[in-house]
Amino acid sequence: MAITVSLVALFGLVLFFLLRSKTLGWGSAFIAVMFGFFLASTGASGPINELATALINAIPDL
C-alpha cells in the first residue's frame, strides 16, 4: 500500500507540472493514465466513484 500511495503522489506531481507547463504529447498521456491506474488501487477510489455517480445523477436535475 505504501508503494502505491507514493506512486500516486509521484504521478500526480508529474501530471501537475505537465499540465501547468502546457506540455501535451504521448508522455503526458502516459503519465495521466498511470496516475489514474494507481489512484484506482488506493482507498480514494470509493469516494471518487461516489462523487462521479452523484455528479452524473445531478445532471438531469439541472
PDB file of N, CA and C in Angstrom:
ATOM      1  N   MET A   1       0.822  -1.193   0.000  1.00  0.00           N
ATOM      2  CA  MET A   1       0.000   0.000   0.000  1.00  0.00           C
ATOM      3  C   MET A   1       0.866   1.257   0.000  1.00  0.00           C
ATOM      4  N   ALA A   2       1.983   1.231   0.730  1.00  0.00           N
ATOM      5  CA  ALA A   2       2.849   2.413   0.790  1.00  0.00           C
ATOM      6  C   ALA A   2       3.457   2.718  -0.564  1.00  0.00           C
ATOM      7  N   ILE A   3       3.786   1.677  -1.335  1.00  0.00           N
ATOM      8  CA  ILE A   3       4.358   1.895  -2.669  1.00  0.00           C
ATOM      9  C   ILE A   3       3.312   2.497  -3.589  1.00  0.00           C
ATOM     10  N   THR A   4       2.077   2.031  -3.511  1.00  0.00           N
ATOM     11  CA  THR A   4       1.002   2.540  -4.363  1.00  0.00           C
ATOM     12  C   THR A   4       0.734   4.007  -4.068  1.00  0.00           C
ATOM     13  N   VAL A   5       0.681   4.364  -2.798  1.00  0.00           N
ATOM     14  CA  VAL A   5       0.414   5.757  -2.437  1.00  0.00           C
ATOM     15  C   VAL A   5       1.547   6.657  -2.912  1.00  0.00           C
ATOM     16  N   SER A   6       2.786   6.198  -2.786  1.00  0.00           N
ATOM     17  CA  SER A   6       3.892   7.026  -3.235  1.00  0.00           C
ATOM     18  C   SER A   6       3.901   7.166  -4.757  1.00  0.00           C
ATOM     19  N   LEU A   7       3.499   6.127  -5.486  1.00  0.00           N
ATOM     20  CA  LEU A   7       3.400   6.235  -6.938  1.00  0.00           C
ATOM     21  C   LEU A   7       2.285   7.184  -7.345  1.00  0.00           C
ATOM     22  N   VAL A   8       1.184   7.177  -6.600  1.00  0.00           N
ATOM     23  CA  VAL A   8       0.103   8.126  -6.870  1.00  0.00           C
ATOM     24  C   VAL A   8       0.604   9.546  -6.670  1.00  0.00           C
ATOM     25  N   ALA A   9       1.345   9.776  -5.594  1.00  0.00           N
ATOM     26  CA  ALA A   9       1.892  11.105  -5.337  1.00  0.00           C
ATOM     27  C   ALA A   9       2.885  11.506  -6.422  1.00  0.00           C
ATOM     28  N   LEU A  10       3.731  10.581  -6.838  1.00  0.00           N
ATOM     29  CA  LEU A  10       4.717  10.863  -7.876  1.00  0.00           C
ATOM     30  C   LEU A  10       4.041  11.195  -9.205  1.00  0.00           C
ATOM     31  N   PHE A  11       3.121  10.337  -9.645  1.00  0.00           N
ATOM     32  CA  PHE A  11       2.444  10.587 -10.915  1.00  0.00           C
ATOM     33  C   PHE A  11       1.564  11.838 -10.842  1.00  0.00           C
ATOM     34  N   GLY A  12       0.955  12.095  -9.701  1.00  0.00           N
ATOM     35  CA  GLY A  12       0.157  13.307  -9.551  1.00  0.00           C
ATOM     36  C   GLY A  12       1.004  14.560  -9.661  1.00  0.00           C
ATOM     37  N   LEU A  13       2.173  14.531  -9.053  1.00  0.00           N
ATOM     38  CA  LEU A  13       3.085  15.677  -9.117  1.00  0.00           C
ATOM     39  C   LEU A  13       3.588  15.905 -10.542  1.00  0.00           C
ATOM     40  N   VAL A  14       3.968  14.827 -11.203  1.00  0.00           N
ATOM     41  CA  VAL A  14       4.440  14.952 -12.588  1.00  0.00           C
ATOM     42  C   VAL A  14       3.316  15.449 -13.490  1.00  0.00           C
ATOM     43  N   LEU A  15       2.105  14.925 -13.318  1.00  0.00           N
ATOM     44  CA  LEU A  15       0.964  15.366 -14.118  1.00  0.00           C
ATOM     45  C   LEU A  15       0.655  16.835 -13.870  1.00  0.00           C
ATOM     46  N   PHE A  16       0.754  17.282 -12.626  1.00  0.00           N
ATOM     47  CA  PHE A  16       0.515  18.680 -12.304  1.00  0.00           C
ATOM     48  C   PHE A  16       1.480  19.584 -13.062  1.00  0.00           C
ATOM     49  N   PHE A  17       2.767  19.242 -13.044  1.00  0.00           N
ATOM     50  CA  PHE A  17       3.749  20.078 -13.732  1.00  0.00           C
ATOM     51  C   PHE A  17       3.606  20.006 -15.254  1.00  0.00           C
ATOM     52  N   LEU A  18       3.214  18.853 -15.781  1.00  0.00           N
ATOM     53  CA  LEU A  18       2.987  18.754 -17.224  1.00  0.00           C
ATOM     54  C   LEU A  18       1.797  19.620 -17.643  1.00  0.00           C
ATOM     55  N   LEU A  19       0.741  19.600 -16.853  1.00  0.00           N
ATOM     56  CA  LEU A  19      -0.421  20.423 -17.181  1.00  0.00           C
ATOM     57  C   LEU A  19      -0.123  21.902 -17.001  1.00  0.00           C
ATOM     58  N   ARG A  20       0.659  22.226 -16.002  1.00  0.00           N
ATOM     59  CA  ARG A  20       0.997  23.624 -15.746  1.00  0.00           C
ATOM     60  C   ARG A  20       1.869  24.207 -16.859  1.00  0.00           C
ATOM     61  N   SER A  21       2.774  23.403 -17.376  1.00  0.00           N
ATOM     62  CA  SER A  21       3.649  23.887 -18.440  1.00  0.00           C
ATOM     63  C   SER A  21       3.004  23.740 -19.820  1.00  0.00           C
ATOM     64  N   LYS A  22       1.786  23.213 -19.858  1.00  0.00           N
ATOM     65  CA  LYS A  22       1.026  23.017 -21.099  1.00  0.00           C
ATOM     66  C   LYS A  22       1.792  22.153 -22.096  1.00  0.00           C
ATOM     67  N   THR A  23       2.457  21.148 -21.562  1.00  0.00           N
ATOM     68  CA  THR A  23       3.167  20.188 -22.386  1.00  0.00           C
ATOM     69  C   THR A  23       2.210  19.054 -22.713  1.00  0.00           C
ATOM     70  N   LEU A  24       1.855  18.939 -23.974  1.00  0.00           N
ATOM     71  CA  LEU A  24       0.939  17.886 -24.391  1.00  0.00           C
ATOM     72  C   LEU A  24       1.680  16.923 -25.307  1.00  0.00           C
ATOM     73  N   GLY A  25       1.367  15.681 -25.189  1.00  0.00           N
ATOM     74  CA  GLY A  25       2.005  14.684 -26.031  1.00  0.00           C
ATOM     75  C   GLY A  25       1.803  13.300 -25.452  1.00  0.00           C
ATOM     76  N   TRP A  26       2.499  12.334 -26.023  1.00  0.00           N
ATOM     77  CA  TRP A  26       2.364  10.960 -25.579  1.00  0.00           C
ATOM     78  C   TRP A  26       2.852  10.772 -24.146  1.00  0.00           C
ATOM     79  N   GLY A  27       3.864  11.489 -23.753  1.00  0.00           N
ATOM     80  CA  GLY A  27       4.387  11.349 -22.394  1.00  0.00           C
ATOM     81  C   GLY A  27       3.386  11.775 -21.344  1.00  0.00           C
ATOM     82  N   SER A  28       2.735  12.910 -21.565  1.00  0.00           N
ATOM     83  CA  SER A  28       1.754  13.378 -20.580  1.00  0.00           C
ATOM     84  C   SER A  28       0.532  12.473 -20.564  1.00  0.00           C
ATOM     85  N   ALA A  29       0.161  11.915 -21.715  1.00  0.00           N
ATOM     86  CA  ALA A  29      -0.955  10.976 -21.738  1.00  0.00           C
ATOM     87  C   ALA A  29      -0.619   9.720 -20.939  1.00  0.00           C
ATOM     88  N   PHE A  30       0.606   9.235 -21.071  1.00  0.00           N
ATOM     89  CA  PHE A  30       1.036   8.062 -20.307  1.00  0.00           C
ATOM     90  C   PHE A  30       1.025   8.355 -18.815  1.00  0.00           C
ATOM     91  N   ILE A  31       1.514   9.516 -18.423  1.00  0.00           N
ATOM     92  CA  ILE A  31       1.531   9.885 -17.001  1.00  0.00           C
ATOM     93  C   ILE A  31       0.104   9.973 -16.462  1.00  0.00           C
ATOM     94  N   ALA A  32      -0.804  10.553 -17.245  1.00  0.00           N
ATOM     95  CA  ALA A  32      -2.194  10.670 -16.797  1.00  0.00           C
ATOM     96  C   ALA A  32      -2.833   9.291 -16.626  1.00  0.00           C
ATOM     97  N   VAL A  33      -2.577   8.400 -17.551  1.00  0.00           N
ATOM     98  CA  VAL A  33      -3.130   7.046 -17.450  1.00  0.00           C
ATOM     99  C   VAL A  33      -2.549   6.318 -16.242  1.00  0.00           C
ATOM    100  N   MET A  34      -1.253   6.428 -16.046  1.00  0.00           N
ATOM    101  CA  MET A  34      -0.633   5.754 -14.912  1.00  0.00           C
ATOM    102  C   MET A  34      -1.118   6.344 -13.585  1.00  0.00           C
ATOM    103  N   PHE A  35      -1.311   7.664 -13.536  1.00  0.00           N
ATOM    104  CA  PHE A  35      -1.845   8.301 -12.338  1.00  0.00           C
ATOM    105  C   PHE A  35      -3.227   7.739 -12.028  1.00  0.00           C
ATOM    106  N   GLY A  36      -4.077   7.650 -13.030  1.00  0.00           N
ATOM    107  CA  GLY A  36      -5.418   7.100 -12.829  1.00  0.00           C
ATOM    108  C   GLY A  36      -5.381   5.638 -12.418  1.00  0.00           C
ATOM    109  N   PHE A  37      -4.489   4.879 -13.012  1.00  0.00           N
ATOM    110  CA  PHE A  37      -4.374   3.462 -12.681  1.00  0.00           C
ATOM    111  C   PHE A  37      -3.975   3.265 -11.222  1.00  0.00           C
ATOM    112  N   PHE A  38      -2.970   3.984 -10.770  1.00  0.00           N
ATOM    113  CA  PHE A  38      -2.532   3.813  -9.389  1.00  0.00           C
ATOM    114  C   PHE A  38      -3.507   4.458  -8.404  1.00  0.00           C
ATOM    115  N   LEU A  39      -4.184   5.516  -8.799  1.00  0.00           N
ATOM    116  CA  LEU A  39      -5.190   6.126  -7.929  1.00  0.00           C
ATOM    117  C   LEU A  39      -6.361   5.182  -7.719  1.00  0.00           C
ATOM    118  N   ALA A  40      -6.709   4.416  -8.738  1.00  0.00           N
ATOM    119  CA  ALA A  40      -7.818   3.476  -8.627  1.00  0.00           C
ATOM    120  C   ALA A  40      -7.530   2.350  -7.646  1.00  0.00           C
ATOM    121  N   SER A  41      -6.279   2.062  -7.383  1.00  0.00           N
ATOM    122  CA  SER A  41      -5.952   0.978  -6.472  1.00  0.00           C
ATOM    123  C   SER A  41      -5.756   1.451  -5.032  1.00  0.00           C
ATOM    124  N   THR A  42      -6.029   2.712  -4.744  1.00  0.00           N
ATOM    125  CA  THR A  42      -5.923   3.219  -3.377  1.00  0.00           C
ATOM    126  C   THR A  42      -7.304   3.282  -2.744  1.00  0.00           C
ATOM    127  N   GLY A  43      -7.361   3.716  -1.522  1.00  0.00           N
ATOM    128  CA  GLY A  43      -8.627   3.873  -0.823  1.00  0.00           C
ATOM    129  C   GLY A  43      -9.436   5.051  -1.318  1.00  0.00           C
ATOM    130  N   ALA A  44      -8.849   5.890  -2.145  1.00  0.00           N
ATOM    131  CA  ALA A  44      -9.558   7.058  -2.662  1.00  0.00           C
ATOM    132  C   ALA A  44     -10.523   6.697  -3.782  1.00  0.00           C
ATOM    133  N   SER A  45     -10.457   5.475  -4.296  1.00  0.00           N
ATOM    134  CA  SER A  45     -11.306   5.107  -5.425  1.00  0.00           C
ATOM    135  C   SER A  45     -12.788   5.093  -5.050  1.00  0.00           C
ATOM    136  N   GLY A  46     -13.119   4.689  -3.829  1.00  0.00           N
ATOM    137  CA  GLY A  46     -14.522   4.664  -3.391  1.00  0.00           C
ATOM    138  C   GLY A  46     -15.162   6.047  -3.382  1.00  0.00           C
ATOM    139  N   PRO A  47     -14.573   7.016  -2.678  1.00  0.00           N
ATOM    140  CA  PRO A  47     -15.152   8.365  -2.681  1.00  0.00           C
ATOM    141  C   PRO A  47     -15.160   9.022  -4.068  1.00  0.00           C
ATOM    142  N   ILE A  48     -14.159   8.738  -4.889  1.00  0.00           N
ATOM    143  CA  ILE A  48     -14.135   9.306  -6.236  1.00  0.00           C
ATOM    144  C   ILE A  48     -15.286   8.739  -7.061  1.00  0.00           C
ATOM    145  N   ASN A  49     -15.526   7.431  -6.953  1.00  0.00           N
ATOM    146  CA  ASN A  49     -16.642   6.820  -7.672  1.00  0.00           C
ATOM    147  C   ASN A  49     -17.984   7.361  -7.177  1.00  0.00           C
ATOM    148  N   GLU A  50     -18.122   7.563  -5.877  1.00  0.00           N
ATOM    149  CA  GLU A  50     -19.355   8.117  -5.328  1.00  0.00           C
ATOM    150  C   GLU A  50     -19.584   9.551  -5.796  1.00  0.00           C
ATOM    151  N   LEU A  51     -18.526  10.352  -5.845  1.00  0.00           N
ATOM    152  CA  LEU A  51     -18.634  11.723  -6.327  1.00  0.00           C
ATOM    153  C   LEU A  51     -19.031  11.756  -7.799  1.00  0.00           C
ATOM    154  N   ALA A  52     -18.411  10.909  -8.609  1.00  0.00           N
ATOM    155  CA  ALA A  52     -18.754  10.856 -10.029  1.00  0.00           C
ATOM    156  C   ALA A  52     -20.201  10.424 -10.227  1.00  0.00           C
ATOM    157  N   THR A  53     -20.656   9.442  -9.451  1.00  0.00           N
ATOM    158  CA  THR A  53     -22.044   8.993  -9.544  1.00  0.00           C
ATOM    159  C   THR A  53     -23.003  10.106  -9.143  1.00  0.00           C
ATOM    160  N   ALA A  54     -22.685  10.831  -8.082  1.00  0.00           N
ATOM    161  CA  ALA A  54     -23.537  11.929  -7.639  1.00  0.00           C
ATOM    162  C   ALA A  54     -23.607  13.038  -8.697  1.00  0.00           C
ATOM    163  N   LEU A  55     -22.485  13.346  -9.324  1.00  0.00           N
ATOM    164  CA  LEU A  55     -22.490  14.379 -10.377  1.00  0.00           C
ATOM    165  C   LEU A  55     -23.293  13.931 -11.583  1.00  0.00           C
ATOM    166  N   ILE A  56     -23.164  12.679 -11.972  1.00  0.00           N
ATOM    167  CA  ILE A  56     -23.922  12.170 -13.114  1.00  0.00           C
ATOM    168  C   ILE A  56     -25.415  12.159 -12.806  1.00  0.00           C
ATOM    169  N   ASN A  57     -25.780  11.805 -11.595  1.00  0.00           N
ATOM    170  CA  ASN A  57     -27.197  11.800 -11.211  1.00  0.00           C
ATOM    171  C   ASN A  57     -27.757  13.206 -11.074  1.00  0.00           C
ATOM    172  N   ALA A  58     -26.905  14.205 -10.831  1.00  0.00           N
ATOM    173  CA  ALA A  58     -27.373  15.579 -10.677  1.00  0.00           C
ATOM    174  C   ALA A  58     -27.579  16.275 -12.018  1.00  0.00           C
ATOM    175  N   ILE A  59     -26.981  15.781 -13.074  1.00  0.00           N
ATOM    176  CA  ILE A  59     -27.084  16.436 -14.394  1.00  0.00           C
ATOM    177  C   ILE A  59     -28.530  16.533 -14.881  1.00  0.00           C
ATOM    178  N   PRO A  60     -29.346  15.489 -14.786  1.00  0.00           N
ATOM    179  CA  PRO A  60     -30.745  15.623 -15.280  1.00  0.00           C
ATOM    180  C   PRO A  60     -31.568  16.639 -14.486  1.00  0.00           C
ATOM    181  N   ASP A  61     -31.178  16.921 -13.255  1.00  0.00           N
ATOM    182  CA  ASP A  61     -31.930  17.863 -12.413  1.00  0.00           C
ATOM    183  C   ASP A  61     -31.640  19.316 -12.735  1.00  0.00           C
ATOM    184  N   LEU A  62     -30.651  19.569 -13.581  1.00  0.00           N
ATOM    185  CA  LEU A  62     -30.312  20.944 -13.924  1.00  0.00           C
ATOM    186  C   LEU A  62     -31.346  21.451 -14.830  1.00  0.00           C
TER     187      LEU A  62
END
